[in-house]
Protein backbone atom coordinates (compact mmCIF):
# COMPACT_ATOMS: atom_id res chain seq x y z
CA MET A 1 18.77 77.16 -165.64
CA GLU A 2 18.00 80.78 -164.86
CA LYS A 3 18.15 82.24 -161.35
CA PRO A 4 16.83 81.97 -158.72
CA ILE A 5 18.08 78.46 -157.98
CA GLY A 6 16.35 77.93 -154.65
CA HIS A 7 15.63 80.57 -152.02
CA ASP A 8 18.24 79.45 -149.48
CA LEU A 9 21.01 76.85 -149.12
CA ALA A 10 18.68 73.96 -148.30
CA SER A 11 16.30 74.60 -151.21
CA SER A 12 19.16 75.19 -153.68
CA ARG A 13 20.68 71.86 -152.68
CA GLU A 14 17.30 70.22 -153.24
CA VAL A 15 16.96 71.80 -156.70
CA ASN A 16 20.53 70.88 -157.62
CA ALA A 17 20.05 67.32 -156.37
CA GLN A 18 16.90 66.82 -158.43
CA VAL A 19 18.54 68.24 -161.54
CA GLY A 20 21.64 66.15 -160.82
CA ASP A 21 19.53 62.99 -160.76
CA ALA A 22 18.52 63.63 -164.37
CA PHE A 23 21.61 65.31 -165.85
CA ALA A 24 25.36 65.15 -165.38
CA GLU A 25 26.89 68.39 -164.03
CA GLU A 26 28.69 69.03 -167.33
CA HIS A 27 25.28 69.15 -169.02
CA VAL A 28 23.83 71.75 -166.62
CA PHE A 29 24.25 75.44 -167.49
CA ARG A 30 23.23 77.90 -164.74
CA ILE A 31 22.94 81.34 -166.32
CA ASP A 32 24.01 84.56 -164.64
CA HIS A 33 23.79 87.08 -167.47
CA TYR A 34 26.34 89.40 -165.79
CA LEU A 35 29.02 86.86 -166.68
CA GLY A 36 28.24 87.42 -170.36
CA LYS A 37 29.03 91.13 -170.24
CA GLU A 38 32.20 92.10 -172.11
CA THR A 39 33.50 94.23 -169.25
CA VAL A 40 33.07 91.41 -166.74
CA GLN A 41 35.05 89.09 -169.02
CA ASN A 42 37.60 91.88 -169.39
CA LEU A 43 38.26 91.70 -165.65
CA LEU A 44 40.07 88.42 -166.29
CA ALA A 45 42.17 90.04 -169.03
CA LEU A 46 42.81 93.14 -166.92
CA ARG A 47 44.10 91.11 -164.00
CA PHE A 48 45.84 88.18 -165.64
CA ALA A 49 47.05 89.48 -169.02
CA ASN A 50 48.82 92.56 -167.62
CA MET A 51 51.82 92.66 -165.29
CA LEU A 52 50.88 96.24 -164.40
CA PHE A 53 48.09 95.48 -161.90
CA GLU A 54 48.34 91.96 -160.47
CA PRO A 55 51.39 92.63 -158.23
CA LEU A 56 49.36 95.41 -156.54
CA TRP A 57 46.10 93.41 -156.36
CA ASN A 58 46.30 92.66 -152.62
CA ALA A 59 46.01 94.02 -149.10
CA GLN A 60 49.44 95.68 -149.26
CA ALA A 61 48.36 98.12 -152.00
CA ILE A 62 44.54 98.22 -151.94
CA ASP A 63 42.65 100.11 -149.25
CA HIS A 64 39.12 98.93 -150.13
CA VAL A 65 36.87 97.83 -152.97
CA GLN A 66 33.36 99.07 -153.81
CA ILE A 67 30.83 97.25 -155.97
CA THR A 68 27.66 99.17 -156.89
CA VAL A 69 24.71 97.89 -158.91
CA ALA A 70 22.08 100.65 -159.01
CA GLU A 71 18.71 100.55 -160.77
CA THR A 72 16.28 103.39 -161.43
CA VAL A 73 13.31 101.05 -161.88
CA GLY A 74 10.85 99.93 -159.21
CA LEU A 75 8.77 96.76 -159.26
CA GLU A 76 8.00 97.11 -163.00
CA GLY A 77 5.44 94.30 -163.04
CA ARG A 78 7.53 91.92 -160.93
CA VAL A 79 5.36 92.18 -157.79
CA SER A 80 4.64 88.46 -157.52
CA TYR A 81 8.36 87.60 -157.75
CA TYR A 82 10.12 90.43 -155.97
CA ASP A 83 8.15 90.84 -152.73
CA GLY A 84 9.50 88.36 -150.23
CA VAL A 85 12.71 87.98 -152.27
CA GLY A 86 14.29 91.41 -151.95
CA ALA A 87 17.58 92.94 -153.05
CA LEU A 88 19.81 90.56 -151.08
CA LYS A 89 18.58 87.43 -152.84
CA ASP A 90 17.70 89.06 -156.15
CA MET A 91 21.01 90.87 -156.77
CA VAL A 92 23.69 90.17 -154.14
CA GLN A 93 23.38 86.37 -154.10
CA ASN A 94 24.16 86.08 -157.79
CA HIS A 95 25.33 89.10 -159.82
CA MET A 96 27.30 90.88 -157.11
CA LEU A 97 28.93 87.80 -155.64
CA GLN A 98 30.01 86.69 -159.10
CA LEU A 99 31.61 90.10 -159.66
CA LEU A 100 33.27 89.89 -156.26
CA ALA A 101 34.61 86.42 -157.01
CA ILE A 102 36.20 87.47 -160.33
CA ILE A 103 37.70 90.62 -158.82
CA ALA A 104 39.18 88.90 -155.78
CA MET A 105 39.97 85.30 -156.80
CA GLU A 106 43.46 83.88 -157.09
CA PRO A 107 44.96 83.46 -160.59
CA PRO A 108 43.58 80.28 -162.20
CA SER A 109 46.02 77.89 -163.85
CA SER A 110 44.23 78.44 -167.18
CA VAL A 111 41.01 79.92 -168.58
CA SER A 112 39.35 76.52 -168.67
CA SER A 113 35.93 76.28 -167.04
CA THR A 114 37.25 74.01 -164.27
CA ALA A 115 40.24 76.19 -163.37
CA VAL A 116 38.30 79.47 -163.33
CA ARG A 117 35.37 78.10 -161.37
CA ASP A 118 37.62 76.31 -158.88
CA GLU A 119 39.17 79.65 -157.91
CA LYS A 120 35.79 81.37 -157.67
CA VAL A 121 34.54 78.69 -155.28
CA LYS A 122 37.63 79.06 -153.08
CA LEU A 123 37.02 82.80 -152.89
CA LEU A 124 33.30 82.49 -152.10
CA ARG A 125 34.07 80.03 -149.31
CA SER A 126 36.52 82.55 -147.84
CA LEU A 127 33.83 85.20 -147.32
CA ARG A 128 33.45 85.94 -143.62
CA LYS A 129 29.99 85.02 -142.35
CA LEU A 130 28.04 87.85 -140.72
CA LYS A 131 26.96 87.30 -137.12
CA ALA A 132 24.13 88.83 -135.13
CA GLU A 133 26.51 90.95 -133.02
CA ASP A 134 28.01 92.78 -136.02
CA VAL A 135 25.24 92.67 -138.65
CA LYS A 136 23.92 96.15 -137.77
CA ALA A 137 27.39 97.69 -138.13
CA HIS A 138 28.19 95.80 -141.34
CA SER A 139 24.90 95.85 -143.27
CA VAL A 140 21.99 98.14 -144.12
CA LYS A 141 18.50 97.28 -145.35
CA GLY A 142 16.37 99.92 -147.08
CA GLN A 143 13.01 100.35 -148.77
CA TYR A 144 12.17 103.26 -151.07
CA THR A 145 9.34 105.70 -150.42
CA SER A 146 7.80 108.12 -152.90
CA GLY A 147 10.14 110.56 -154.61
CA ALA A 148 11.44 111.51 -158.04
CA VAL A 149 13.64 109.62 -160.50
CA ASN A 150 14.90 111.19 -163.74
CA GLY A 151 12.64 114.21 -163.14
CA GLY A 152 9.45 112.17 -162.78
CA ALA A 153 7.45 111.49 -159.62
CA VAL A 154 7.34 107.85 -158.48
CA THR A 155 5.39 106.10 -155.74
CA GLY A 156 6.89 104.22 -152.82
CA TYR A 157 7.40 100.47 -152.70
CA ALA A 158 4.53 99.82 -150.29
CA ASP A 159 2.24 101.96 -152.44
CA GLU A 160 3.17 99.99 -155.56
CA LEU A 161 2.67 96.77 -153.67
CA GLY A 162 -0.62 97.83 -152.12
CA HIS A 163 0.28 96.94 -148.55
CA PRO A 164 3.17 97.31 -146.06
CA SER A 165 6.10 94.94 -146.53
CA ASN A 166 9.37 94.03 -144.80
CA THR A 167 11.10 93.31 -148.12
CA GLU A 168 14.28 95.32 -148.73
CA THR A 169 14.73 97.16 -152.03
CA PHE A 170 18.23 98.33 -151.04
CA VAL A 171 21.09 96.62 -149.30
CA ALA A 172 24.63 97.69 -148.40
CA ILE A 173 27.14 95.28 -146.91
CA LYS A 174 30.68 95.59 -145.60
CA ALA A 175 32.27 92.23 -146.39
CA PHE A 176 35.64 90.68 -145.60
CA ILE A 177 37.53 87.88 -147.30
CA ASP A 178 39.51 85.77 -144.88
CA ASN A 179 42.59 84.80 -146.86
CA TRP A 180 46.17 86.03 -147.21
CA ARG A 181 45.61 88.25 -150.23
CA TRP A 182 42.73 90.27 -148.78
CA LYS A 183 43.41 90.25 -145.04
CA GLY A 184 41.71 93.32 -143.53
CA VAL A 185 40.50 94.81 -146.85
CA PRO A 186 36.79 95.76 -146.72
CA PHE A 187 34.61 95.07 -149.75
CA TYR A 188 31.59 97.39 -149.79
CA LEU A 189 28.61 96.05 -151.74
CA ARG A 190 25.64 98.28 -152.57
CA THR A 191 22.56 97.66 -154.68
CA GLY A 192 19.09 99.14 -154.80
CA LYS A 193 16.04 100.10 -156.79
CA ARG A 194 14.86 103.67 -157.47
CA MET A 195 18.42 105.01 -157.35
CA PRO A 196 19.32 108.35 -159.01
CA GLU A 197 20.93 106.63 -161.99
CA ARG A 198 21.36 103.19 -163.53
CA LYS A 199 24.92 101.99 -163.21
CA SER A 200 27.04 98.98 -162.39
CA GLU A 201 30.62 99.69 -161.44
CA VAL A 202 33.59 98.48 -159.43
CA LEU A 203 35.93 100.88 -157.63
CA ILE A 204 39.40 99.70 -156.62
CA GLN A 205 40.74 102.22 -154.10
CA PHE A 206 44.49 102.00 -153.67
CA LYS A 207 46.36 103.12 -150.58
CA PRO A 208 48.19 106.49 -150.60
CA VAL A 209 51.92 106.69 -151.21
CA PRO A 210 53.87 106.07 -147.97
CA HIS A 211 55.60 109.47 -148.10
CA ASN A 212 54.77 112.67 -149.97
CA ILE A 213 58.06 114.01 -151.34
CA PHE A 214 56.26 117.00 -152.88
CA ALA A 215 54.92 118.39 -149.59
CA ARG A 216 57.87 120.77 -149.10
CA VAL A 217 57.40 122.37 -152.50
CA GLY A 218 53.75 123.24 -151.95
CA ALA A 219 52.06 120.33 -153.68
CA GLY A 220 49.70 119.67 -150.79
CA LYS A 221 47.85 116.42 -150.17
CA LEU A 222 48.18 113.64 -152.76
CA ASP A 223 45.04 111.77 -153.80
CA ALA A 224 45.40 108.00 -153.65
CA ASN A 225 45.11 106.20 -156.99
CA SER A 226 41.86 104.51 -157.90
CA MET A 227 40.50 102.37 -160.70
CA ILE A 228 36.85 102.58 -161.79
CA ILE A 229 35.53 99.70 -163.88
CA ASN A 230 32.18 100.62 -165.44
CA LEU A 231 30.00 97.70 -166.51
CA GLN A 232 26.83 99.55 -167.52
CA PRO A 233 25.51 101.70 -169.07
CA GLU A 234 29.02 102.66 -170.26
CA GLU A 235 31.74 100.06 -170.58
CA ASN A 236 35.11 101.52 -169.72
CA ILE A 237 38.02 101.36 -167.31
CA ARG A 238 39.40 104.54 -165.76
CA VAL A 239 42.54 104.86 -163.67
CA LYS A 240 43.04 108.05 -161.65
CA VAL A 241 46.66 109.09 -161.16
CA MET A 242 48.52 112.18 -159.96
CA ALA A 243 50.30 114.35 -162.57
CA LYS A 244 52.20 117.63 -162.51
CA GLN A 245 50.41 120.67 -163.87
CA PRO A 246 52.38 122.49 -166.61
CA GLY A 247 54.23 125.61 -165.44
CA LEU A 248 57.53 127.06 -164.27
CA ASP A 249 56.80 126.15 -160.64
CA ARG A 250 57.94 129.50 -159.23
CA ASP A 251 55.17 129.30 -156.61
CA GLY A 252 55.71 125.61 -155.94
CA VAL A 253 54.90 122.38 -157.74
CA LYS A 254 51.20 121.87 -158.46
CA LEU A 255 49.91 118.34 -158.83
CA LYS A 256 46.50 117.38 -160.14
CA GLU A 257 44.54 114.16 -160.38
CA VAL A 258 44.05 113.11 -164.01
CA THR A 259 42.20 110.17 -165.54
CA LEU A 260 43.54 107.54 -167.90
CA ASP A 261 40.42 106.36 -169.73
CA VAL A 262 40.13 103.12 -171.65
CA SER A 263 36.78 103.15 -173.42
CA LEU A 264 35.95 99.74 -174.84
CA SER A 265 33.44 101.21 -177.29
CA HIS A 266 36.11 103.57 -178.68
CA SER A 267 39.02 101.12 -178.54
CA PHE A 268 37.03 98.53 -180.47
CA GLU A 269 35.02 100.90 -182.61
CA GLY A 270 33.54 99.15 -185.62
CA GLU A 271 33.32 95.77 -183.93
CA ARG A 272 29.83 94.53 -183.22
CA ARG A 273 28.89 94.60 -179.54
CA ARG A 274 27.25 91.39 -178.43
CA ILE A 275 24.59 91.29 -175.73
CA ALA A 276 25.29 89.06 -172.75
CA TYR A 277 22.68 86.41 -173.54
CA GLU A 278 23.95 86.09 -177.12
CA ARG A 279 27.39 85.09 -175.85
CA LEU A 280 26.04 82.81 -173.14
CA LEU A 281 23.61 80.97 -175.40
CA LEU A 282 26.35 80.40 -177.98
CA ASP A 283 28.65 79.04 -175.25
CA PHE A 284 25.80 76.78 -174.11
CA ILE A 285 25.31 75.41 -177.64
CA GLU A 286 29.05 74.74 -177.87
CA GLY A 287 29.20 73.18 -174.40
CA ASP A 288 31.58 75.77 -172.85
CA GLN A 289 30.74 76.16 -169.13
CA THR A 290 33.34 78.82 -168.24
CA LEU A 291 30.80 81.65 -167.95
CA PHE A 292 28.18 79.53 -166.20
CA VAL A 293 27.82 78.93 -162.48
CA ARG A 294 28.73 75.54 -161.05
CA ARG A 295 26.68 73.78 -158.39
CA ASP A 296 29.20 74.33 -155.58
CA GLU A 297 29.40 78.03 -156.52
CA VAL A 298 25.65 78.45 -156.08
CA GLU A 299 25.74 76.69 -152.73
CA ALA A 300 28.74 78.68 -151.50
CA GLN A 301 26.89 81.90 -152.42
CA TRP A 302 23.80 80.78 -150.50
CA GLN A 303 25.85 79.87 -147.43
CA TRP A 304 27.05 83.46 -147.13
CA ILE A 305 23.65 84.96 -147.93
CA ASP A 306 21.95 82.71 -145.37
CA SER A 307 24.36 83.94 -142.68
CA ILE A 308 23.21 87.51 -143.38
CA ARG A 309 19.53 86.60 -143.41
CA ASP A 310 19.91 84.63 -140.16
CA ALA A 311 21.70 87.57 -138.53
CA TRP A 312 18.99 89.97 -139.72
CA ALA A 313 16.33 87.70 -138.25
CA ALA A 314 18.22 87.36 -134.95
CA VAL A 315 18.20 91.15 -134.38
CA ASP A 316 14.79 91.68 -136.04
CA MET A 317 16.33 94.11 -138.53
CA ALA A 318 13.71 96.07 -140.48
CA PRO A 319 14.37 98.07 -143.67
CA GLN A 320 14.95 101.80 -143.28
CA ASN A 321 13.11 104.19 -145.56
CA TYR A 322 14.90 106.14 -148.27
CA THR A 323 13.45 108.58 -150.77
CA ALA A 324 13.20 107.33 -154.33
CA GLY A 325 15.88 109.07 -156.37
CA SER A 326 18.43 109.04 -153.52
CA TRP A 327 21.40 106.75 -152.88
CA GLY A 328 19.70 104.84 -150.09
CA PRO A 329 19.32 105.32 -146.32
CA SER A 330 21.70 107.66 -144.50
CA SER A 331 23.00 104.65 -142.56
CA ALA A 332 24.46 103.31 -145.82
CA ILE A 333 26.57 106.46 -146.04
CA ALA A 334 27.64 106.00 -142.42
CA LEU A 335 28.54 102.36 -143.13
CA ILE A 336 31.49 103.41 -145.29
CA GLU A 337 32.26 106.84 -143.84
CA ARG A 338 32.97 105.33 -140.41
CA ASP A 339 36.08 103.91 -142.09
CA GLY A 340 37.11 107.27 -143.57
CA ALA A 341 35.93 106.47 -147.10
CA SER A 342 32.97 107.54 -149.26
CA TRP A 343 30.79 105.88 -151.85
CA HIS A 344 31.76 106.68 -155.42
CA ASP A 345 28.62 108.46 -156.68
């Protein structure tokens, strides 16, 4: 089964119930092609095969997390599907929430399909529901107008559609996970069409060191460590750390931020890169459900999405215009900068 599975919680339950009447759950494979990407699968290895990161993967060490899925395309012949669906249901409900679940879930007891998906469901159910009183401060809807992408002029969404529409082509959300590990850590989600570049990435922003011992020797402010996990178009993992610049230090110690870069294409040069659907279809043939979405996962995702849509409707929240080729409405910048952070562009 390919997404969308329903258009809200009630309809997804109806679809799942009808399918469940004909097939056992272990014979149902709900495809989210993001789960077939090598870098997404590497998130499990990064977190649970290395002692280096997991002890710091919590609210004590991490300041915030950003997930960005940006597209340069517009409607591209998907008018009949996209209008009325929008970015929230088209991208956040599936791809972005699956990424969020893998990044934030507790360690599973094994890499079996049941163990991994059990932990993802627990995480999705811990997402704090948005309410009408805070939806304007914690979310942004946008719709692109005419502009330029990759040096070429493009028309606005309403012009492509042929009539005005309330459908959002951009959404930014400040989300919280109400559990012990992530207490108080904001997760900023951002996705949109007609962005300046095509990219999917996760930024893990760590907290600064509690005390700068280099301040007295002229080192100045220390940049907090960060990890950037690129999913597309490049597949790599970069960790930014502070290092001392070479020199005799007669005028004080000079520190500089440097990048430790793990490029999957270089590290595994010569090995054939498989596209996501190739891996997923092979797993389907072999009956391995680990990288497929379980029924309760889909419904947990819709519960959170429905809370946002209900809150939008309660305050009659309309999409704000943004120029094609930009990073969305200015309010999306304010969403994160109110907390003293910035989007990683």
